[in-house]
Amino acid sequence: MPVRALITLLLAAAVSPAPAAAPVPRPVADETEAEAAARAALEARAKEAVKALSTGLRAEDPNERRAVLTDASEVVHPKVVKAMARALDDRDAGVSTHTVVLLGLMDLPESVSALRKYARRAKRALSLDPGRHVAVLRSIGLHEDQDQVRWLLDGVFVEKERSVRRARIFSAARTRTVETLEAIFDALGKQDLRRTDASREDLRTALVHLTGTDQGESMRSWLRWWRENRKGFELPEKAPTLSGQMLEAWSRFWGEDRERPRQRRRGDRG
């Protein structure tokens, strides 16, 4: 799918999973001539992209700023991410959200770092703009970074907006590890379970996605199941296939093809 078409889909709140991005070539002692050439070419493209951003982000027309960001995002390089991150604070909310979406698709640790820094400094603004808040959480979730899971779940049950609570839960659950499962149950164990009732459907979906078992919408049943099964528990190698409303909610949030749900984790990427 062309990059612009994909971005249009993401901005419509149906975020597609990021394609596996080629890692940034780095110099190594036994680097071949071809590898050195590829690294040099990428560095040259990154330099040009940063230069284009320096000029393009000063354009008066928000559409021009979005266009230069889209073009730059095709060069997956830390220097480009750093230059693009300046647009997270663009005076136009649409440009800012556009940047959030693009950084979710750029598979680099620097993208996660930029998004987290933005989430911290724009905390108040995001609390007043649930749509953009969801976009930030979703883009962070797309990176499937274990280090972000507990942050995503922190305070999840006191969020006023259901869309934001869902974004936190689903974005955490996308990182399919036992550590993620433990983090969810830790968060549940610290709460009066009545406080989690408004999120029980989303929690159930996340837990089925992680475990391959279904204990229904009762979080007491899930906690009991976890106490009985946590010792030595291993997640299914592949994400279980959801069905019904759970599939609908999960697919709509991530914009996934319902016939071919994404099952690869960050560690599996080539």
C-alpha atoms as a PDB file:
ATOM      1  CA  MET A   1       0.000   0.000   0.000  1.00  0.00           C
ATOM      2  CA  PRO A   2       1.402   3.469  -0.834  1.00  0.00           C
ATOM      3  CA  VAL A   3       2.639   5.350   2.210  1.00  0.00           C
ATOM      4  CA  ARG A   4       0.112   8.165   1.826  1.00  0.00           C
ATOM      5  CA  ALA A   5      -2.775   5.715   1.616  1.00  0.00           C
ATOM      6  CA  LEU A   6      -1.568   3.963   4.764  1.00  0.00           C
ATOM      7  CA  ILE A   7      -1.268   7.238   6.645  1.00  0.00           C
ATOM      8  CA  THR A   8      -4.785   8.206   5.616  1.00  0.00           C
ATOM      9  CA  LEU A   9      -5.999   4.927   7.104  1.00  0.00           C
ATOM     10  CA  LEU A  10      -4.158   5.529  10.373  1.00  0.00           C
ATOM     11  CA  LEU A  11      -5.425   9.060  10.743  1.00  0.00           C
ATOM     12  CA  ALA A  12      -8.952   7.706  10.417  1.00  0.00           C
ATOM     13  CA  ALA A  13      -8.266   5.883  13.717  1.00  0.00           C
ATOM     14  CA  ALA A  14      -7.786   2.516  12.049  1.00  0.00           C
ATOM     15  CA  VAL A  15      -4.063   2.136  12.523  1.00  0.00           C
ATOM     16  CA  SER A  16      -2.484  -0.624  10.484  1.00  0.00           C
ATOM     17  CA  PRO A  17       0.466  -2.527  11.913  1.00  0.00           C
ATOM     18  CA  ALA A  18       3.806  -1.201  10.853  1.00  0.00           C
ATOM     19  CA  PRO A  19       5.605  -3.169   8.189  1.00  0.00           C
ATOM     20  CA  ALA A  20       8.913  -4.622   9.286  1.00  0.00           C
ATOM     21  CA  ALA A  21      11.362  -1.800   8.701  1.00  0.00           C
ATOM     22  CA  ALA A  22      14.894  -2.459   7.586  1.00  0.00           C
ATOM     23  CA  PRO A  23      17.265  -1.826  10.485  1.00  0.00           C
ATOM     24  CA  VAL A  24      19.605   1.131  10.219  1.00  0.00           C
ATOM     25  CA  PRO A  25      22.950  -0.215   8.904  1.00  0.00           C
ATOM     26  CA  ARG A  26      25.761   0.411  11.360  1.00  0.00           C
ATOM     27  CA  PRO A  27      29.484   0.188  10.777  1.00  0.00           C
ATOM     28  CA  VAL A  28      31.059  -3.043  11.964  1.00  0.00           C
ATOM     29  CA  ALA A  29      34.565  -4.390  11.788  1.00  0.00           C
ATOM     30  CA  ASP A  30      33.754  -7.013   9.160  1.00  0.00           C
ATOM     31  CA  GLU A  31      31.393  -4.826   7.126  1.00  0.00           C
ATOM     32  CA  THR A  32      31.318  -5.815   3.480  1.00  0.00           C
ATOM     33  CA  GLU A  33      31.666  -3.354   0.659  1.00  0.00           C
ATOM     34  CA  ALA A  34      27.980  -3.720  -0.175  1.00  0.00           C
ATOM     35  CA  GLU A  35      26.966  -3.120   3.430  1.00  0.00           C
ATOM     36  CA  ALA A  36      29.175  -0.068   3.643  1.00  0.00           C
ATOM     37  CA  ALA A  37      27.623   1.292   0.450  1.00  0.00           C
ATOM     38  CA  ALA A  38      24.102   0.697   1.797  1.00  0.00           C
ATOM     39  CA  ARG A  39      24.954   2.461   5.046  1.00  0.00           C
ATOM     40  CA  ALA A  40      26.455   5.392   3.198  1.00  0.00           C
ATOM     41  CA  ALA A  41      23.399   5.644   0.955  1.00  0.00           C
ATOM     42  CA  LEU A  42      21.073   5.652   3.956  1.00  0.00           C
ATOM     43  CA  GLU A  43      23.133   8.325   5.674  1.00  0.00           C
ATOM     44  CA  ALA A  44      22.943  10.454   2.522  1.00  0.00           C
ATOM     45  CA  ARG A  45      19.166  10.008   2.288  1.00  0.00           C
ATOM     46  CA  ALA A  46      18.813  10.886   5.966  1.00  0.00           C
ATOM     47  CA  LYS A  47      20.828  14.042   5.479  1.00  0.00           C
ATOM     48  CA  GLU A  48      18.604  15.093   2.587  1.00  0.00           C
ATOM     49  CA  ALA A  49      15.439  14.263   4.551  1.00  0.00           C
ATOM     50  CA  VAL A  50      16.588  16.338   7.519  1.00  0.00           C
ATOM     51  CA  LYS A  51      17.380  19.227   5.187  1.00  0.00           C
ATOM     52  CA  ALA A  52      13.942  18.974   3.581  1.00  0.00           C
ATOM     53  CA  LEU A  53      12.310  18.958   7.005  1.00  0.00           C
ATOM     54  CA  SER A  54      14.249  22.017   8.088  1.00  0.00           C
ATOM     55  CA  THR A  55      12.740  23.937   5.188  1.00  0.00           C
ATOM     56  CA  GLY A  56       9.388  22.233   4.825  1.00  0.00           C
ATOM     57  CA  LEU A  57       8.290  22.504   8.445  1.00  0.00           C
ATOM     58  CA  ARG A  58       8.466  26.277   8.120  1.00  0.00           C
ATOM     59  CA  ALA A  59       5.793  26.270   5.415  1.00  0.00           C
ATOM     60  CA  GLU A  60       2.638  28.221   6.233  1.00  0.00           C
ATOM     61  CA  ASP A  61       0.319  25.603   4.765  1.00  0.00           C
ATOM     62  CA  PRO A  62      -0.270  22.668   7.172  1.00  0.00           C
ATOM     63  CA  ASN A  63      -0.764  20.395   4.172  1.00  0.00           C
ATOM     64  CA  GLU A  64       2.779  21.174   3.013  1.00  0.00           C
ATOM     65  CA  ARG A  65       4.140  20.407   6.459  1.00  0.00           C
ATOM     66  CA  ARG A  66       2.294  17.090   6.526  1.00  0.00           C
ATOM     67  CA  ALA A  67       3.595  16.234   3.065  1.00  0.00           C
ATOM     68  CA  VAL A  68       7.242  16.826   3.966  1.00  0.00           C
ATOM     69  CA  LEU A  69       6.789  14.716   7.102  1.00  0.00           C
ATOM     70  CA  THR A  70       5.312  11.881   5.068  1.00  0.00           C
ATOM     71  CA  ASP A  71       8.204  11.949   2.612  1.00  0.00           C
ATOM     72  CA  ALA A  72      10.783  12.068   5.386  1.00  0.00           C
ATOM     73  CA  SER A  73       9.226   9.123   7.215  1.00  0.00           C
ATOM     74  CA  GLU A  74      10.250   6.828   4.364  1.00  0.00           C
ATOM     75  CA  VAL A  75      13.851   7.246   5.549  1.00  0.00           C
ATOM     76  CA  VAL A  76      13.961   5.217   8.761  1.00  0.00           C
ATOM     77  CA  HIS A  77      16.922   6.778  10.506  1.00  0.00           C
ATOM     78  CA  PRO A  78      17.463   8.243  14.006  1.00  0.00           C
ATOM     79  CA  LYS A  79      18.432  11.663  12.615  1.00  0.00           C
ATOM     80  CA  VAL A  80      15.186  11.815  10.656  1.00  0.00           C
ATOM     81  CA  VAL A  81      13.153  10.834  13.710  1.00  0.00           C
ATOM     82  CA  LYS A  82      14.828  13.594  15.711  1.00  0.00           C
ATOM     83  CA  ALA A  83      14.016  16.166  13.040  1.00  0.00           C
ATOM     84  CA  MET A  84      10.442  14.957  12.673  1.00  0.00           C
ATOM     85  CA  ALA A  85       9.859  15.010  16.418  1.00  0.00           C
ATOM     86  CA  ARG A  86       9.913  18.806  16.364  1.00  0.00           C
ATOM     87  CA  ALA A  87       6.590  18.667  14.531  1.00  0.00           C
ATOM     88  CA  LEU A  88       4.938  16.946  17.501  1.00  0.00           C
ATOM     89  CA  ASP A  89       4.545  20.451  18.928  1.00  0.00           C
ATOM     90  CA  ASP A  90       3.311  21.957  15.667  1.00  0.00           C
ATOM     91  CA  ARG A  91       0.802  24.764  16.071  1.00  0.00           C
ATOM     92  CA  ASP A  92      -1.660  22.779  13.956  1.00  0.00           C
ATOM     93  CA  ALA A  93      -3.153  19.807  15.831  1.00  0.00           C
ATOM     94  CA  GLY A  94      -3.555  17.894  12.576  1.00  0.00           C
ATOM     95  CA  VAL A  95       0.160  18.144  11.823  1.00  0.00           C
ATOM     96  CA  SER A  96       1.001  17.038  15.350  1.00  0.00           C
ATOM     97  CA  THR A  97      -1.266  13.996  15.101  1.00  0.00           C
ATOM     98  CA  HIS A  98       0.122  13.212  11.657  1.00  0.00           C
ATOM     99  CA  THR A  99       3.604  13.146  13.168  1.00  0.00           C
ATOM    100  CA  VAL A 100       2.434  10.871  15.973  1.00  0.00           C
ATOM    101  CA  VAL A 101       1.083   8.391  13.429  1.00  0.00           C
ATOM    102  CA  LEU A 102       4.252   8.440  11.337  1.00  0.00           C
ATOM    103  CA  LEU A 103       6.493   7.847  14.351  1.00  0.00           C
ATOM    104  CA  GLY A 104       4.375   4.824  15.218  1.00  0.00           C
ATOM    105  CA  LEU A 105       5.345   3.347  11.856  1.00  0.00           C
ATOM    106  CA  MET A 106       9.074   4.078  12.097  1.00  0.00           C
ATOM    107  CA  ASP A 107      10.527   1.037  13.825  1.00  0.00           C
ATOM    108  CA  LEU A 108      13.310   2.657  15.840  1.00  0.00           C
ATOM    109  CA  PRO A 109      13.847   3.091  19.599  1.00  0.00           C
ATOM    110  CA  GLU A 110      14.213   6.813  18.946  1.00  0.00           C
ATOM    111  CA  SER A 111      10.594   6.905  17.759  1.00  0.00           C
ATOM    112  CA  VAL A 112       9.363   5.452  21.054  1.00  0.00           C
ATOM    113  CA  SER A 113      11.529   7.891  22.986  1.00  0.00           C
ATOM    114  CA  ALA A 114      10.169  10.857  21.045  1.00  0.00           C
ATOM    115  CA  LEU A 115       6.580   9.759  21.606  1.00  0.00           C
ATOM    116  CA  ARG A 116       7.119   9.196  25.326  1.00  0.00           C
ATOM    117  CA  LYS A 117       8.735  12.607  25.754  1.00  0.00           C
ATOM    118  CA  TYR A 118       5.834  14.188  23.918  1.00  0.00           C
ATOM    119  CA  ALA A 119       3.291  12.325  26.068  1.00  0.00           C
ATOM    120  CA  ARG A 120       5.016  13.663  29.182  1.00  0.00           C
ATOM    121  CA  ARG A 121       5.283  17.315  28.167  1.00  0.00           C
ATOM    122  CA  ALA A 122       1.839  17.419  26.531  1.00  0.00           C
ATOM    123  CA  LYS A 123       0.061  15.556  29.329  1.00  0.00           C
ATOM    124  CA  ARG A 124      -2.493  18.284  30.004  1.00  0.00           C
ATOM    125  CA  ALA A 125      -3.187  18.976  26.323  1.00  0.00           C
ATOM    126  CA  LEU A 126      -3.691  15.274  25.647  1.00  0.00           C
ATOM    127  CA  SER A 127      -6.090  14.965  28.576  1.00  0.00           C
ATOM    128  CA  LEU A 128      -8.281  17.519  26.790  1.00  0.00           C
ATOM    129  CA  ASP A 129      -7.960  15.822  23.397  1.00  0.00           C
ATOM    130  CA  PRO A 130      -8.850  12.103  23.713  1.00  0.00           C
ATOM    131  CA  GLY A 131      -8.463  11.478  19.985  1.00  0.00           C
ATOM    132  CA  ARG A 132      -4.869  12.637  19.914  1.00  0.00           C
ATOM    133  CA  HIS A 133      -4.192  10.903  23.245  1.00  0.00           C
ATOM    134  CA  VAL A 134      -5.374   7.606  21.750  1.00  0.00           C
ATOM    135  CA  ALA A 135      -3.170   8.184  18.696  1.00  0.00           C
ATOM    136  CA  VAL A 136      -0.101   8.634  20.916  1.00  0.00           C
ATOM    137  CA  LEU A 137      -0.831   5.512  22.941  1.00  0.00           C
ATOM    138  CA  ARG A 138      -1.541   3.485  19.817  1.00  0.00           C
ATOM    139  CA  SER A 139       1.667   4.584  18.134  1.00  0.00           C
ATOM    140  CA  ILE A 140       3.659   3.611  21.207  1.00  0.00           C
ATOM    141  CA  GLY A 141       1.836   0.282  21.299  1.00  0.00           C
ATOM    142  CA  LEU A 142       2.749  -0.431  17.693  1.00  0.00           C
ATOM    143  CA  HIS A 143       6.398  -0.625  18.738  1.00  0.00           C
ATOM    144  CA  GLU A 144       5.682  -3.545  21.085  1.00  0.00           C
ATOM    145  CA  ASP A 145       8.267  -2.290  23.548  1.00  0.00           C
ATOM    146  CA  GLN A 146       8.229  -4.174  26.851  1.00  0.00           C
ATOM    147  CA  ASP A 147       9.692  -1.165  28.631  1.00  0.00           C
ATOM    148  CA  GLN A 148       6.501   0.801  27.918  1.00  0.00           C
ATOM    149  CA  VAL A 149       3.980  -1.710  29.266  1.00  0.00           C
ATOM    150  CA  ARG A 150       3.861  -0.633  32.902  1.00  0.00           C
ATOM    151  CA  TRP A 151       3.780   3.010  31.881  1.00  0.00           C
ATOM    152  CA  LEU A 152       0.839   2.287  29.591  1.00  0.00           C
ATOM    153  CA  LEU A 153      -1.023   0.608  32.444  1.00  0.00           C
ATOM    154  CA  ASP A 154      -0.193   3.221  35.058  1.00  0.00           C
ATOM    155  CA  GLY A 155      -3.421   4.886  36.137  1.00  0.00           C
ATOM    156  CA  VAL A 156      -5.408   3.120  33.437  1.00  0.00           C
ATOM    157  CA  PHE A 157      -8.515   2.670  35.590  1.00  0.00           C
ATOM    158  CA  VAL A 158      -8.767   6.321  36.575  1.00  0.00           C
ATOM    159  CA  GLU A 159      -8.858   7.556  32.979  1.00  0.00           C
ATOM    160  CA  LYS A 160     -12.204   9.236  32.337  1.00  0.00           C
ATOM    161  CA  GLU A 161     -12.426   8.405  28.630  1.00  0.00           C
ATOM    162  CA  ARG A 162     -13.134   4.822  27.697  1.00  0.00           C
ATOM    163  CA  SER A 163     -11.289   5.260  24.405  1.00  0.00           C
ATOM    164  CA  VAL A 164      -8.132   6.181  26.317  1.00  0.00           C
ATOM    165  CA  ARG A 165      -8.525   3.267  28.741  1.00  0.00           C
ATOM    166  CA  ARG A 166      -8.926   0.905  25.810  1.00  0.00           C
ATOM    167  CA  ALA A 167      -5.869   2.379  24.094  1.00  0.00           C
ATOM    168  CA  ARG A 168      -3.758   1.814  27.194  1.00  0.00           C
ATOM    169  CA  ILE A 169      -4.957  -1.769  27.675  1.00  0.00           C
ATOM    170  CA  PHE A 170      -4.739  -2.816  24.024  1.00  0.00           C
ATOM    171  CA  SER A 171      -1.379  -1.107  23.495  1.00  0.00           C
ATOM    172  CA  ALA A 172       0.071  -2.919  26.495  1.00  0.00           C
ATOM    173  CA  ALA A 173      -1.399  -6.259  25.407  1.00  0.00           C
ATOM    174  CA  ARG A 174       0.075  -5.967  21.926  1.00  0.00           C
ATOM    175  CA  THR A 175       3.440  -6.749  23.547  1.00  0.00           C
ATOM    176  CA  ARG A 176       2.732 -10.438  24.065  1.00  0.00           C
ATOM    177  CA  THR A 177       4.986 -11.520  26.905  1.00  0.00           C
ATOM    178  CA  VAL A 178       4.503 -13.108  30.308  1.00  0.00           C
ATOM    179  CA  GLU A 179       5.826  -9.851  31.764  1.00  0.00           C
ATOM    180  CA  THR A 180       2.930  -8.012  30.135  1.00  0.00           C
ATOM    181  CA  LEU A 181       0.478 -10.505  31.591  1.00  0.00           C
ATOM    182  CA  GLU A 182       1.994 -10.050  35.032  1.00  0.00           C
ATOM    183  CA  ALA A 183       1.759  -6.267  34.673  1.00  0.00           C
ATOM    184  CA  ILE A 184      -1.950  -6.451  33.855  1.00  0.00           C
ATOM    185  CA  PHE A 185      -2.696  -8.693  36.818  1.00  0.00           C
ATOM    186  CA  ASP A 186      -0.562  -6.503  39.078  1.00  0.00           C
ATOM    187  CA  ALA A 187      -2.631  -3.498  37.992  1.00  0.00           C
ATOM    188  CA  LEU A 188      -5.843  -5.412  38.663  1.00  0.00           C
ATOM    189  CA  GLY A 189      -4.647  -6.611  42.034  1.00  0.00           C
ATOM    190  CA  LYS A 190      -4.071  -3.054  43.220  1.00  0.00           C
ATOM    191  CA  GLN A 191      -7.628  -1.959  42.411  1.00  0.00           C
ATOM    192  CA  ASP A 192     -11.040  -2.214  43.927  1.00  0.00           C
ATOM    193  CA  LEU A 193     -12.373  -4.435  41.144  1.00  0.00           C
ATOM    194  CA  ARG A 194     -15.560  -2.394  40.969  1.00  0.00           C
ATOM    195  CA  ARG A 195     -13.389   0.330  39.509  1.00  0.00           C
ATOM    196  CA  THR A 196     -12.454  -1.935  36.611  1.00  0.00           C
ATOM    197  CA  ASP A 197     -16.030  -2.778  35.607  1.00  0.00           C
ATOM    198  CA  ALA A 198     -16.134  -0.117  32.892  1.00  0.00           C
ATOM    199  CA  SER A 199     -13.131  -1.748  31.229  1.00  0.00           C
ATOM    200  CA  ARG A 200     -14.001  -5.418  31.685  1.00  0.00           C
ATOM    201  CA  GLU A 201     -14.756  -6.010  27.979  1.00  0.00           C
ATOM    202  CA  ASP A 202     -11.419  -4.531  26.912  1.00  0.00           C
ATOM    203  CA  LEU A 203      -9.560  -6.377  29.671  1.00  0.00           C
ATOM    204  CA  ARG A 204     -11.150  -9.644  28.623  1.00  0.00           C
ATOM    205  CA  THR A 205     -10.134  -9.062  25.002  1.00  0.00           C
ATOM    206  CA  ALA A 206      -6.557  -8.258  26.019  1.00  0.00           C
ATOM    207  CA  LEU A 207      -6.284 -11.263  28.321  1.00  0.00           C
ATOM    208  CA  VAL A 208      -7.691 -13.687  25.748  1.00  0.00           C
ATOM    209  CA  HIS A 209      -5.228 -12.268  23.201  1.00  0.00           C
ATOM    210  CA  LEU A 210      -2.394 -12.914  25.632  1.00  0.00           C
ATOM    211  CA  THR A 211      -3.350 -16.250  27.160  1.00  0.00           C
ATOM    212  CA  GLY A 212      -5.504 -18.149  24.673  1.00  0.00           C
ATOM    213  CA  THR A 213      -7.998 -18.894  27.425  1.00  0.00           C
ATOM    214  CA  ASP A 214     -11.250 -17.128  28.240  1.00  0.00           C
ATOM    215  CA  GLN A 215     -12.439 -16.601  31.793  1.00  0.00           C
ATOM    216  CA  GLY A 216     -15.224 -14.233  30.811  1.00  0.00           C
ATOM    217  CA  GLU A 217     -15.704 -10.640  31.913  1.00  0.00           C
ATOM    218  CA  SER A 218     -15.342 -11.282  35.643  1.00  0.00           C
ATOM    219  CA  MET A 219     -11.965  -9.998  36.747  1.00  0.00           C
ATOM    220  CA  ARG A 220     -12.285 -12.059  39.922  1.00  0.00           C
ATOM    221  CA  SER A 221     -12.428 -15.178  37.749  1.00  0.00           C
ATOM    222  CA  TRP A 222      -9.344 -14.026  35.846  1.00  0.00           C
ATOM    223  CA  LEU A 223      -7.415 -13.312  39.047  1.00  0.00           C
ATOM    224  CA  ARG A 224      -8.336 -16.715  40.424  1.00  0.00           C
ATOM    225  CA  TRP A 225      -7.233 -18.343  37.162  1.00  0.00           C
ATOM    226  CA  TRP A 226      -3.918 -16.474  37.325  1.00  0.00           C
ATOM    227  CA  ARG A 227      -3.243 -17.547  40.909  1.00  0.00           C
ATOM    228  CA  GLU A 228      -3.776 -21.153  39.850  1.00  0.00           C
ATOM    229  CA  ASN A 229      -1.769 -20.979  36.623  1.00  0.00           C
ATOM    230  CA  ARG A 230       0.896 -18.314  36.920  1.00  0.00           C
ATOM    231  CA  LYS A 231       3.686 -20.640  38.008  1.00  0.00           C
ATOM    232  CA  GLY A 232       5.504 -21.672  34.858  1.00  0.00           C
ATOM    233  CA  PHE A 233       2.823 -20.234  32.571  1.00  0.00           C
ATOM    234  CA  GLU A 234       3.897 -19.803  28.953  1.00  0.00           C
ATOM    235  CA  LEU A 235       2.026 -17.780  26.379  1.00  0.00           C
ATOM    236  CA  PRO A 236       0.868 -19.504  23.202  1.00  0.00           C
ATOM    237  CA  GLU A 237       3.531 -19.051  20.539  1.00  0.00           C
ATOM    238  CA  LYS A 238       1.043 -17.322  18.276  1.00  0.00           C
ATOM    239  CA  ALA A 239      -1.657 -14.908  19.294  1.00  0.00           C
ATOM    240  CA  PRO A 240      -4.963 -16.771  19.611  1.00  0.00           C
ATOM    241  CA  THR A 241      -7.653 -15.943  17.087  1.00  0.00           C
ATOM    242  CA  LEU A 242     -10.277 -13.709  18.644  1.00  0.00           C
ATOM    243  CA  SER A 243     -13.923 -13.907  17.687  1.00  0.00           C
ATOM    244  CA  GLY A 244     -17.148 -11.946  17.883  1.00  0.00           C
ATOM    245  CA  GLN A 245     -17.091  -8.582  19.619  1.00  0.00           C
ATOM    246  CA  MET A 246     -13.543  -9.130  20.859  1.00  0.00           C
ATOM    247  CA  LEU A 247     -12.268  -9.533  17.311  1.00  0.00           C
ATOM    248  CA  GLU A 248     -14.284  -6.537  16.188  1.00  0.00           C
ATOM    249  CA  ALA A 249     -12.890  -4.306  18.937  1.00  0.00           C
ATOM    250  CA  TRP A 250      -9.285  -5.439  18.515  1.00  0.00           C
ATOM    251  CA  SER A 251      -9.337  -5.258  14.718  1.00  0.00           C
ATOM    252  CA  ARG A 252     -10.995  -1.869  14.654  1.00  0.00           C
ATOM    253  CA  PHE A 253      -8.473  -0.429  17.094  1.00  0.00           C
ATOM    254  CA  TRP A 254      -5.447  -1.662  15.143  1.00  0.00           C
ATOM    255  CA  GLY A 255      -6.942  -1.524  11.655  1.00  0.00           C
ATOM    256  CA  GLU A 256      -5.947  -5.134  11.079  1.00  0.00           C
ATOM    257  CA  ASP A 257      -7.151  -7.352   8.267  1.00  0.00           C
ATOM    258  CA  ARG A 258      -9.617  -9.611  10.073  1.00  0.00           C
ATOM    259  CA  GLU A 259      -8.724 -12.514   7.819  1.00  0.00           C
ATOM    260  CA  ARG A 260      -5.027 -12.302   8.621  1.00  0.00           C
ATOM    261  CA  PRO A 261      -4.445 -10.927  12.127  1.00  0.00           C
ATOM    262  CA  ARG A 262      -0.904  -9.790  12.804  1.00  0.00           C
ATOM    263  CA  GLN A 263       1.003 -12.163  15.042  1.00  0.00           C
ATOM    264  CA  ARG A 264       4.638 -11.146  14.825  1.00  0.00           C
ATOM    265  CA  ARG A 265       6.420  -9.577  17.740  1.00  0.00           C
ATOM    266  CA  ARG A 266       9.244  -7.063  17.666  1.00  0.00           C
ATOM    267  CA  GLY A 267      11.787  -9.785  18.311  1.00  0.00           C
ATOM    268  CA  ASP A 268      10.606 -11.682  15.236  1.00  0.00           C
ATOM    269  CA  ARG A 269      11.133  -8.842  12.806  1.00  0.00           C
ATOM    270  CA  GLY A 270      13.742  -9.155  10.123  1.00  0.00           C
END
